[in-house]
Amino acid sequence: MRLLTHNFLRSNVKGTENGYPLNIEVTTINCEDSPLDKSFLLNLLPKVNYPALRTAVQQISQHCVPPLKEIPEQLDVSDKESNQNLDHETLKNLHRVLFDVYLIEGWLVCPDTGRKFPVKDGIPNMILHEDEI
């Protein structure tokens, strides 16, 4: 599961008021390199919840080899015009965290209820139990 996917997932357990962003517990992670597609990245950035992405990067960075580089502490990704002015290194780092980091095995944890959703073979299982609907 890419961090891009994680950025859109939330817990819908009955009674959950704050099920986003999910915390990440890593068992196995895979970090690969792929070429930067600047136009694709710039079109995608306004759809990303940047604070949730930054939190996810902080939770998994120590598990990556080599470790993930820092991404800016704050970034207004909704501003398409200013995104065009991001330097190449920042774009490369954003591309890496969104597209090159895969959670293979682990857990996504609801910040409100503590409910753990398993990730197996890179696929998150967000199916709720009957009593959670």
N, C-alpha and C. Protein backbone atom coordinates (compact mmCIF):
# COMPACT_ATOMS: atom_id res chain seq x y z
N MET A 1 0.84 -1.17 0.00
CA MET A 1 0.00 0.00 0.00
C MET A 1 0.89 1.24 0.00
N ARG A 2 0.69 2.09 -0.94
CA ARG A 2 1.44 3.34 -1.00
C ARG A 2 0.91 4.34 0.03
N LEU A 3 1.76 5.31 0.38
CA LEU A 3 1.30 6.37 1.28
C LEU A 3 0.23 7.22 0.62
N LEU A 4 0.22 7.25 -0.70
CA LEU A 4 -0.85 7.94 -1.41
C LEU A 4 -2.19 7.31 -1.06
N THR A 5 -2.27 5.99 -1.07
CA THR A 5 -3.50 5.28 -0.70
C THR A 5 -3.86 5.57 0.75
N HIS A 6 -2.87 5.48 1.62
CA HIS A 6 -3.09 5.75 3.05
C HIS A 6 -3.73 7.11 3.26
N ASN A 7 -3.34 8.09 2.46
CA ASN A 7 -3.81 9.45 2.61
C ASN A 7 -5.32 9.58 2.43
N PHE A 8 -5.95 8.60 1.77
CA PHE A 8 -7.38 8.67 1.51
C PHE A 8 -8.21 7.73 2.38
N LEU A 9 -7.58 6.90 3.20
CA LEU A 9 -8.30 5.93 4.02
C LEU A 9 -8.68 6.51 5.37
N ARG A 10 -9.84 6.08 5.87
CA ARG A 10 -10.28 6.50 7.21
C ARG A 10 -11.04 5.35 7.86
N SER A 11 -11.14 5.41 9.17
CA SER A 11 -11.90 4.41 9.92
C SER A 11 -13.36 4.82 9.99
N ASN A 12 -14.24 3.87 9.66
CA ASN A 12 -15.68 4.13 9.73
C ASN A 12 -16.37 3.27 10.78
N VAL A 13 -15.62 2.90 11.81
CA VAL A 13 -16.20 2.12 12.90
C VAL A 13 -17.30 2.94 13.55
N LYS A 14 -18.42 2.27 13.87
CA LYS A 14 -19.56 2.95 14.50
C LYS A 14 -19.10 3.72 15.74
N GLY A 15 -19.51 4.97 15.82
CA GLY A 15 -19.17 5.80 16.97
C GLY A 15 -17.87 6.56 16.82
N THR A 16 -17.16 6.33 15.73
CA THR A 16 -15.89 7.03 15.51
C THR A 16 -16.14 8.46 15.10
N GLU A 17 -15.52 9.37 15.82
CA GLU A 17 -15.66 10.78 15.47
C GLU A 17 -14.41 11.30 14.76
N ASN A 18 -13.26 10.69 15.09
CA ASN A 18 -12.00 11.15 14.51
C ASN A 18 -11.23 9.94 13.98
N GLY A 19 -11.64 9.41 12.83
CA GLY A 19 -11.01 8.22 12.28
C GLY A 19 -9.99 8.51 11.20
N TYR A 20 -9.46 9.75 11.19
CA TYR A 20 -8.50 10.15 10.16
C TYR A 20 -7.51 11.12 10.75
N PRO A 21 -6.24 11.01 10.39
CA PRO A 21 -5.61 9.97 9.59
C PRO A 21 -5.31 8.73 10.42
N LEU A 22 -5.27 7.61 9.76
CA LEU A 22 -4.94 6.35 10.44
C LEU A 22 -3.45 6.33 10.77
N ASN A 23 -3.12 5.82 11.94
CA ASN A 23 -1.71 5.64 12.29
C ASN A 23 -1.18 4.38 11.61
N ILE A 24 0.12 4.33 11.39
CA ILE A 24 0.73 3.20 10.70
C ILE A 24 1.67 2.47 11.65
N GLU A 25 1.48 1.16 11.75
CA GLU A 25 2.42 0.29 12.46
C GLU A 25 3.04 -0.62 11.40
N VAL A 26 4.35 -0.52 11.25
CA VAL A 26 5.06 -1.22 10.18
C VAL A 26 5.59 -2.56 10.65
N THR A 27 5.33 -3.61 9.87
CA THR A 27 6.00 -4.89 10.03
C THR A 27 7.02 -5.05 8.90
N THR A 28 6.55 -4.86 7.66
CA THR A 28 7.42 -4.94 6.49
C THR A 28 7.12 -3.77 5.56
N ILE A 29 8.19 -3.14 5.10
CA ILE A 29 8.04 -2.00 4.19
C ILE A 29 9.01 -2.19 3.04
N ASN A 30 8.65 -1.70 1.88
CA ASN A 30 9.51 -1.77 0.71
C ASN A 30 9.67 -0.37 0.15
N CYS A 31 10.90 0.06 -0.03
CA CYS A 31 11.17 1.38 -0.59
C CYS A 31 11.90 1.18 -1.92
N GLU A 32 11.30 1.68 -2.98
CA GLU A 32 11.86 1.55 -4.32
C GLU A 32 12.12 2.93 -4.89
N ASP A 33 12.78 2.96 -6.03
CA ASP A 33 12.99 4.22 -6.74
C ASP A 33 12.27 4.16 -8.07
N SER A 34 11.59 5.24 -8.42
CA SER A 34 10.96 5.35 -9.72
C SER A 34 11.21 6.76 -10.23
N PRO A 35 11.15 6.95 -11.54
CA PRO A 35 11.42 8.28 -12.09
C PRO A 35 10.34 9.28 -11.71
N LEU A 36 10.76 10.50 -11.47
CA LEU A 36 9.85 11.58 -11.11
C LEU A 36 9.03 11.98 -12.34
N ASP A 37 7.72 11.99 -12.17
CA ASP A 37 6.81 12.49 -13.19
C ASP A 37 6.24 13.79 -12.63
N LYS A 38 6.90 14.89 -12.96
CA LYS A 38 6.58 16.19 -12.35
C LYS A 38 5.14 16.61 -12.61
N SER A 39 4.66 16.50 -13.84
CA SER A 39 3.31 16.97 -14.15
C SER A 39 2.26 16.14 -13.42
N PHE A 40 2.46 14.83 -13.34
CA PHE A 40 1.52 13.97 -12.61
C PHE A 40 1.50 14.34 -11.13
N LEU A 41 2.68 14.52 -10.56
CA LEU A 41 2.78 14.88 -9.14
C LEU A 41 2.11 16.22 -8.87
N LEU A 42 2.37 17.21 -9.72
CA LEU A 42 1.79 18.53 -9.51
C LEU A 42 0.27 18.52 -9.65
N ASN A 43 -0.27 17.66 -10.51
CA ASN A 43 -1.73 17.55 -10.63
C ASN A 43 -2.35 16.83 -9.44
N LEU A 44 -1.59 15.94 -8.82
CA LEU A 44 -2.09 15.15 -7.70
C LEU A 44 -2.00 15.89 -6.36
N LEU A 45 -0.98 16.71 -6.18
CA LEU A 45 -0.73 17.36 -4.88
C LEU A 45 -1.94 18.08 -4.28
N PRO A 46 -2.76 18.79 -5.05
CA PRO A 46 -3.90 19.47 -4.42
C PRO A 46 -4.92 18.52 -3.79
N LYS A 47 -4.88 17.26 -4.15
CA LYS A 47 -5.83 16.28 -3.59
C LYS A 47 -5.30 15.63 -2.30
N VAL A 48 -4.05 15.87 -1.97
CA VAL A 48 -3.39 15.24 -0.83
C VAL A 48 -3.60 16.06 0.43
N ASN A 49 -3.91 15.37 1.53
CA ASN A 49 -3.96 16.02 2.84
C ASN A 49 -2.53 16.05 3.35
N TYR A 50 -1.88 17.21 3.22
CA TYR A 50 -0.45 17.29 3.51
C TYR A 50 -0.10 17.01 4.97
N PRO A 51 -0.82 17.54 5.95
CA PRO A 51 -0.47 17.21 7.35
C PRO A 51 -0.55 15.70 7.62
N ALA A 52 -1.54 15.01 7.03
CA ALA A 52 -1.65 13.56 7.21
C ALA A 52 -0.48 12.84 6.56
N LEU A 53 -0.06 13.33 5.38
CA LEU A 53 1.11 12.74 4.71
C LEU A 53 2.36 12.92 5.55
N ARG A 54 2.55 14.09 6.08
CA ARG A 54 3.75 14.37 6.90
C ARG A 54 3.77 13.47 8.14
N THR A 55 2.63 13.28 8.78
CA THR A 55 2.55 12.39 9.94
C THR A 55 2.89 10.96 9.54
N ALA A 56 2.38 10.50 8.41
CA ALA A 56 2.67 9.14 7.94
C ALA A 56 4.16 8.97 7.67
N VAL A 57 4.77 9.97 7.07
CA VAL A 57 6.21 9.90 6.79
C VAL A 57 7.00 9.79 8.09
N GLN A 58 6.61 10.55 9.10
CA GLN A 58 7.29 10.48 10.39
C GLN A 58 7.14 9.10 11.02
N GLN A 59 5.99 8.45 10.82
CA GLN A 59 5.74 7.15 11.43
C GLN A 59 6.53 6.03 10.75
N ILE A 60 6.85 6.17 9.48
CA ILE A 60 7.50 5.06 8.77
C ILE A 60 8.94 5.31 8.36
N SER A 61 9.42 6.55 8.45
CA SER A 61 10.72 6.89 7.88
C SER A 61 11.87 6.04 8.42
N GLN A 62 11.84 5.68 9.68
CA GLN A 62 12.95 4.90 10.24
C GLN A 62 12.99 3.47 9.70
N HIS A 63 11.91 3.03 9.05
CA HIS A 63 11.85 1.68 8.51
C HIS A 63 12.38 1.59 7.08
N CYS A 64 12.62 2.73 6.45
CA CYS A 64 13.07 2.75 5.05
C CYS A 64 14.59 2.77 4.96
N VAL A 65 15.10 2.06 3.96
CA VAL A 65 16.53 2.06 3.70
C VAL A 65 16.72 2.44 2.23
N PRO A 66 17.38 3.56 1.94
CA PRO A 66 17.86 4.57 2.88
C PRO A 66 16.69 5.32 3.50
N PRO A 67 16.93 5.96 4.64
CA PRO A 67 15.85 6.69 5.32
C PRO A 67 15.25 7.76 4.41
N LEU A 68 13.97 8.03 4.61
CA LEU A 68 13.30 9.05 3.81
C LEU A 68 13.86 10.42 4.15
N LYS A 69 13.99 11.25 3.13
CA LYS A 69 14.44 12.61 3.36
C LYS A 69 13.28 13.43 3.89
N GLU A 70 13.60 14.50 4.57
CA GLU A 70 12.58 15.38 5.13
C GLU A 70 11.75 16.02 4.02
N ILE A 71 10.47 16.15 4.28
CA ILE A 71 9.63 16.95 3.42
C ILE A 71 9.30 18.21 4.21
N PRO A 72 8.96 19.31 3.53
CA PRO A 72 8.72 20.57 4.26
C PRO A 72 7.72 20.40 5.40
N GLU A 73 7.98 21.12 6.49
CA GLU A 73 7.10 21.03 7.65
C GLU A 73 5.69 21.49 7.30
N GLN A 74 5.60 22.55 6.53
CA GLN A 74 4.30 23.04 6.08
C GLN A 74 4.37 23.31 4.58
N LEU A 75 3.28 22.98 3.91
CA LEU A 75 3.22 23.19 2.48
C LEU A 75 1.76 23.31 2.08
N ASP A 76 1.41 24.39 1.40
CA ASP A 76 0.04 24.57 0.95
C ASP A 76 -0.08 23.92 -0.43
N VAL A 77 -0.40 22.63 -0.43
CA VAL A 77 -0.46 21.89 -1.69
C VAL A 77 -1.69 22.26 -2.52
N SER A 78 -2.64 22.98 -1.94
CA SER A 78 -3.84 23.38 -2.68
C SER A 78 -3.54 24.52 -3.65
N ASP A 79 -2.43 25.21 -3.48
CA ASP A 79 -2.06 26.34 -4.33
C ASP A 79 -1.26 25.82 -5.53
N LYS A 80 -1.96 25.56 -6.63
CA LYS A 80 -1.32 24.99 -7.82
C LYS A 80 -0.21 25.88 -8.35
N GLU A 81 -0.38 27.18 -8.25
CA GLU A 81 0.63 28.10 -8.78
C GLU A 81 1.94 28.01 -7.99
N SER A 82 1.85 28.00 -6.67
CA SER A 82 3.08 27.90 -5.87
C SER A 82 3.70 26.51 -5.98
N ASN A 83 2.88 25.48 -6.23
CA ASN A 83 3.43 24.14 -6.43
C ASN A 83 4.37 24.11 -7.64
N GLN A 84 4.06 24.92 -8.65
CA GLN A 84 4.90 24.98 -9.85
C GLN A 84 6.31 25.48 -9.52
N ASN A 85 6.42 26.23 -8.41
CA ASN A 85 7.71 26.82 -8.03
C ASN A 85 8.49 25.97 -7.04
N LEU A 86 7.98 24.79 -6.69
CA LEU A 86 8.72 23.93 -5.76
C LEU A 86 10.02 23.48 -6.40
N ASP A 87 11.09 23.45 -5.60
CA ASP A 87 12.38 23.05 -6.15
C ASP A 87 12.40 21.55 -6.47
N HIS A 88 13.33 21.16 -7.32
CA HIS A 88 13.42 19.79 -7.81
C HIS A 88 13.60 18.79 -6.67
N GLU A 89 14.40 19.12 -5.67
CA GLU A 89 14.66 18.22 -4.55
C GLU A 89 13.39 17.95 -3.74
N THR A 90 12.60 18.99 -3.50
CA THR A 90 11.33 18.83 -2.77
C THR A 90 10.38 17.96 -3.57
N LEU A 91 10.28 18.20 -4.87
CA LEU A 91 9.41 17.38 -5.72
C LEU A 91 9.86 15.92 -5.70
N LYS A 92 11.16 15.70 -5.76
CA LYS A 92 11.70 14.33 -5.72
C LYS A 92 11.33 13.64 -4.41
N ASN A 93 11.46 14.36 -3.30
CA ASN A 93 11.15 13.79 -1.99
C ASN A 93 9.65 13.51 -1.85
N LEU A 94 8.81 14.41 -2.35
CA LEU A 94 7.37 14.18 -2.31
C LEU A 94 6.98 12.98 -3.18
N HIS A 95 7.60 12.89 -4.35
CA HIS A 95 7.35 11.74 -5.23
C HIS A 95 7.74 10.44 -4.52
N ARG A 96 8.88 10.45 -3.87
CA ARG A 96 9.34 9.23 -3.20
C ARG A 96 8.37 8.78 -2.12
N VAL A 97 7.91 9.70 -1.28
CA VAL A 97 7.02 9.28 -0.19
C VAL A 97 5.64 8.88 -0.70
N LEU A 98 5.17 9.49 -1.77
CA LEU A 98 3.84 9.16 -2.28
C LEU A 98 3.81 7.89 -3.13
N PHE A 99 4.88 7.65 -3.89
CA PHE A 99 4.83 6.58 -4.89
C PHE A 99 5.84 5.45 -4.71
N ASP A 100 6.92 5.68 -3.96
CA ASP A 100 7.99 4.68 -3.89
C ASP A 100 8.05 3.92 -2.58
N VAL A 101 7.22 4.26 -1.62
CA VAL A 101 7.21 3.60 -0.32
C VAL A 101 5.94 2.74 -0.24
N TYR A 102 6.13 1.45 0.03
CA TYR A 102 5.01 0.50 0.09
C TYR A 102 4.97 -0.17 1.45
N LEU A 103 3.83 -0.07 2.13
CA LEU A 103 3.61 -0.84 3.35
C LEU A 103 3.16 -2.23 2.89
N ILE A 104 3.99 -3.23 3.12
CA ILE A 104 3.70 -4.59 2.68
C ILE A 104 2.90 -5.34 3.76
N GLU A 105 3.39 -5.29 4.99
CA GLU A 105 2.72 -5.93 6.13
C GLU A 105 2.70 -4.94 7.28
N GLY A 106 1.60 -4.91 7.99
CA GLY A 106 1.51 -4.02 9.15
C GLY A 106 0.07 -3.77 9.52
N TRP A 107 -0.14 -2.63 10.14
CA TRP A 107 -1.48 -2.28 10.64
C TRP A 107 -1.75 -0.81 10.39
N LEU A 108 -3.00 -0.52 10.11
CA LEU A 108 -3.50 0.86 10.12
C LEU A 108 -4.37 0.97 11.36
N VAL A 109 -4.11 1.95 12.20
CA VAL A 109 -4.76 2.03 13.50
C VAL A 109 -5.62 3.29 13.58
N CYS A 110 -6.88 3.09 13.93
CA CYS A 110 -7.81 4.21 14.11
C CYS A 110 -7.34 5.07 15.29
N PRO A 111 -7.15 6.37 15.09
CA PRO A 111 -6.70 7.22 16.19
C PRO A 111 -7.76 7.42 17.27
N ASP A 112 -9.01 7.15 16.94
CA ASP A 112 -10.10 7.38 17.88
C ASP A 112 -10.40 6.14 18.73
N THR A 113 -10.50 4.97 18.08
CA THR A 113 -10.92 3.76 18.78
C THR A 113 -9.78 2.78 19.04
N GLY A 114 -8.66 2.94 18.33
CA GLY A 114 -7.56 2.00 18.47
C GLY A 114 -7.75 0.74 17.64
N ARG A 115 -8.84 0.65 16.89
CA ARG A 115 -9.11 -0.52 16.04
C ARG A 115 -7.99 -0.67 15.02
N LYS A 116 -7.45 -1.88 14.92
CA LYS A 116 -6.35 -2.15 13.99
C LYS A 116 -6.89 -2.83 12.73
N PHE A 117 -6.56 -2.25 11.59
CA PHE A 117 -6.91 -2.82 10.30
C PHE A 117 -5.63 -3.43 9.72
N PRO A 118 -5.64 -4.72 9.39
CA PRO A 118 -4.42 -5.35 8.90
C PRO A 118 -4.10 -4.96 7.46
N VAL A 119 -2.79 -4.93 7.17
CA VAL A 119 -2.31 -4.78 5.80
C VAL A 119 -1.50 -6.04 5.51
N LYS A 120 -1.94 -6.81 4.52
CA LYS A 120 -1.28 -8.06 4.14
C LYS A 120 -0.96 -7.99 2.66
N ASP A 121 0.27 -8.31 2.29
CA ASP A 121 0.69 -8.28 0.88
C ASP A 121 0.38 -6.93 0.23
N GLY A 122 0.48 -5.85 1.00
CA GLY A 122 0.27 -4.51 0.48
C GLY A 122 -1.18 -4.10 0.34
N ILE A 123 -2.12 -4.93 0.82
CA ILE A 123 -3.54 -4.65 0.67
C ILE A 123 -4.16 -4.39 2.04
N PRO A 124 -4.68 -3.17 2.25
CA PRO A 124 -5.34 -2.89 3.54
C PRO A 124 -6.73 -3.53 3.58
N ASN A 125 -7.06 -4.16 4.69
CA ASN A 125 -8.37 -4.76 4.90
C ASN A 125 -9.16 -3.85 5.84
N MET A 126 -10.05 -3.07 5.25
CA MET A 126 -10.82 -2.09 6.03
C MET A 126 -12.24 -2.59 6.31
N ILE A 127 -12.48 -3.88 6.11
CA ILE A 127 -13.80 -4.45 6.34
C ILE A 127 -14.10 -4.44 7.84
N LEU A 128 -15.30 -3.95 8.17
CA LEU A 128 -15.71 -3.86 9.56
C LEU A 128 -16.38 -5.16 10.02
N HIS A 129 -16.25 -5.45 11.31
CA HIS A 129 -16.98 -6.55 11.92
C HIS A 129 -18.45 -6.13 12.05
N GLU A 130 -19.33 -7.09 12.17
CA GLU A 130 -20.76 -6.81 12.22
C GLU A 130 -21.12 -5.82 13.34
N ASP A 131 -20.48 -5.94 14.50
CA ASP A 131 -20.80 -5.06 15.61
C ASP A 131 -20.20 -3.65 15.46
N GLU A 132 -19.42 -3.42 14.40
CA GLU A 132 -18.80 -2.12 14.18
C GLU A 132 -19.56 -1.27 13.16
N ILE A 133 -20.60 -1.84 12.59
CA ILE A 133 -21.33 -1.15 11.51
C ILE A 133 -22.42 -0.28 12.11
